[in-house]
Amino acid sequence: MNSNTNNAGAGNKEDYLDKGLDAAEKKYGGSMGAHPENNRAVNEKITDGARNLFEKATGKKVPEKISN
């Protein structure tokens, strides 16, 4: 299991990818977008999927500065 999911569940800090998704939800997400913390489990699945796609496409890990 990916440690990013475990970190978010424990209330640890979000990485830049998580914060970017939260910002997009706040701006474009309608009424549910106003509270991205309510969607944290779904958001973690989305960002984990994006990380996996990046790693498969490039063969490289996502830089630590962007993603934990």
C-alpha atoms as a PDB file:
ATOM      1  CA  MET A   1       0.000   0.000   0.000  1.00  0.00           C
ATOM      2  CA  ASN A   2       1.226   3.496  -0.791  1.00  0.00           C
ATOM      3  CA  SER A   3       2.449   5.441   2.252  1.00  0.00           C
ATOM      4  CA  ASN A   4       0.790   8.632   0.941  1.00  0.00           C
ATOM      5  CA  THR A   5      -2.640   7.220   1.729  1.00  0.00           C
ATOM      6  CA  ASN A   6      -1.517   6.297   5.225  1.00  0.00           C
ATOM      7  CA  ASN A   7      -0.058   9.748   5.830  1.00  0.00           C
ATOM      8  CA  ALA A   8      -3.229  11.565   4.857  1.00  0.00           C
ATOM      9  CA  GLY A   9      -5.348   9.328   7.035  1.00  0.00           C
ATOM     10  CA  ALA A  10      -3.142  10.115   9.998  1.00  0.00           C
ATOM     11  CA  GLY A  11      -3.540  13.872   9.426  1.00  0.00           C
ATOM     12  CA  ASN A  12       0.033  14.492   8.289  1.00  0.00           C
ATOM     13  CA  LYS A  13       1.057  17.331   5.992  1.00  0.00           C
ATOM     14  CA  GLU A  14      -0.090  17.333   2.387  1.00  0.00           C
ATOM     15  CA  ASP A  15       2.434  17.463  -0.434  1.00  0.00           C
ATOM     16  CA  TYR A  16       2.300  19.966  -3.300  1.00  0.00           C
ATOM     17  CA  LEU A  17       0.261  17.634  -5.504  1.00  0.00           C
ATOM     18  CA  ASP A  18      -2.396  17.269  -2.794  1.00  0.00           C
ATOM     19  CA  LYS A  19      -2.454  21.017  -2.191  1.00  0.00           C
ATOM     20  CA  GLY A  20      -2.803  21.682  -5.920  1.00  0.00           C
ATOM     21  CA  LEU A  21      -5.810  19.385  -6.166  1.00  0.00           C
ATOM     22  CA  ASP A  22      -7.353  21.057  -3.107  1.00  0.00           C
ATOM     23  CA  ALA A  23      -6.873  24.486  -4.698  1.00  0.00           C
ATOM     24  CA  ALA A  24      -8.521  23.327  -7.930  1.00  0.00           C
ATOM     25  CA  GLU A  25     -11.457  21.922  -5.964  1.00  0.00           C
ATOM     26  CA  LYS A  26     -11.900  25.173  -4.079  1.00  0.00           C
ATOM     27  CA  LYS A  27     -11.884  27.165  -7.305  1.00  0.00           C
ATOM     28  CA  TYR A  28     -13.859  24.862  -9.615  1.00  0.00           C
ATOM     29  CA  GLY A  29     -15.506  22.259  -7.420  1.00  0.00           C
ATOM     30  CA  GLY A  30     -18.838  23.867  -6.649  1.00  0.00           C
ATOM     31  CA  SER A  31     -20.389  23.422  -3.227  1.00  0.00           C
ATOM     32  CA  MET A  32     -18.328  20.314  -2.301  1.00  0.00           C
ATOM     33  CA  GLY A  33     -15.158  22.009  -3.517  1.00  0.00           C
ATOM     34  CA  ALA A  34     -15.338  24.532  -0.728  1.00  0.00           C
ATOM     35  CA  HIS A  35     -14.245  21.835   1.750  1.00  0.00           C
ATOM     36  CA  PRO A  36     -11.581  19.573   0.189  1.00  0.00           C
ATOM     37  CA  GLU A  37     -10.848  18.006   3.582  1.00  0.00           C
ATOM     38  CA  ASN A  38     -14.221  16.233   3.228  1.00  0.00           C
ATOM     39  CA  ASN A  39     -12.916  14.571   0.054  1.00  0.00           C
ATOM     40  CA  ARG A  40      -9.463  13.630   1.404  1.00  0.00           C
ATOM     41  CA  ALA A  41      -9.791   9.866   0.796  1.00  0.00           C
ATOM     42  CA  VAL A  42     -10.904  10.361  -2.809  1.00  0.00           C
ATOM     43  CA  ASN A  43      -8.257  13.032  -3.380  1.00  0.00           C
ATOM     44  CA  GLU A  44      -5.526  10.691  -2.149  1.00  0.00           C
ATOM     45  CA  LYS A  45      -6.643   8.056  -4.646  1.00  0.00           C
ATOM     46  CA  ILE A  46      -6.556  10.660  -7.434  1.00  0.00           C
ATOM     47  CA  THR A  47      -3.087  11.967  -6.555  1.00  0.00           C
ATOM     48  CA  ASP A  48      -1.730   8.442  -6.021  1.00  0.00           C
ATOM     49  CA  GLY A  49      -3.030   7.516  -9.468  1.00  0.00           C
ATOM     50  CA  ALA A  50      -1.392  10.586 -10.984  1.00  0.00           C
ATOM     51  CA  ARG A  51       1.924   9.683  -9.334  1.00  0.00           C
ATOM     52  CA  ASN A  52       1.705   6.127 -10.660  1.00  0.00           C
ATOM     53  CA  LEU A  53       0.927   7.343 -14.192  1.00  0.00           C
ATOM     54  CA  PHE A  54       3.891   9.716 -14.080  1.00  0.00           C
ATOM     55  CA  GLU A  55       6.213   6.969 -12.880  1.00  0.00           C
ATOM     56  CA  LYS A  56       5.009   4.508 -15.526  1.00  0.00           C
ATOM     57  CA  ALA A  57       5.295   7.089 -18.323  1.00  0.00           C
ATOM     58  CA  THR A  58       8.741   8.396 -17.382  1.00  0.00           C
ATOM     59  CA  GLY A  59      10.295   5.494 -15.499  1.00  0.00           C
ATOM     60  CA  LYS A  60      11.298   7.990 -12.791  1.00  0.00           C
ATOM     61  CA  LYS A  61      10.022   8.682  -9.310  1.00  0.00           C
ATOM     62  CA  VAL A  62       8.072  11.868  -8.641  1.00  0.00           C
ATOM     63  CA  PRO A  63      10.537  14.368  -7.126  1.00  0.00           C
ATOM     64  CA  GLU A  64      10.412  14.536  -3.309  1.00  0.00           C
ATOM     65  CA  LYS A  65       9.885  18.297  -3.505  1.00  0.00           C
ATOM     66  CA  ILE A  66       6.522  17.721  -5.211  1.00  0.00           C
ATOM     67  CA  SER A  67       5.329  14.489  -3.678  1.00  0.00           C
ATOM     68  CA  ASN A  68       6.045  12.629  -0.469  1.00  0.00           C
END
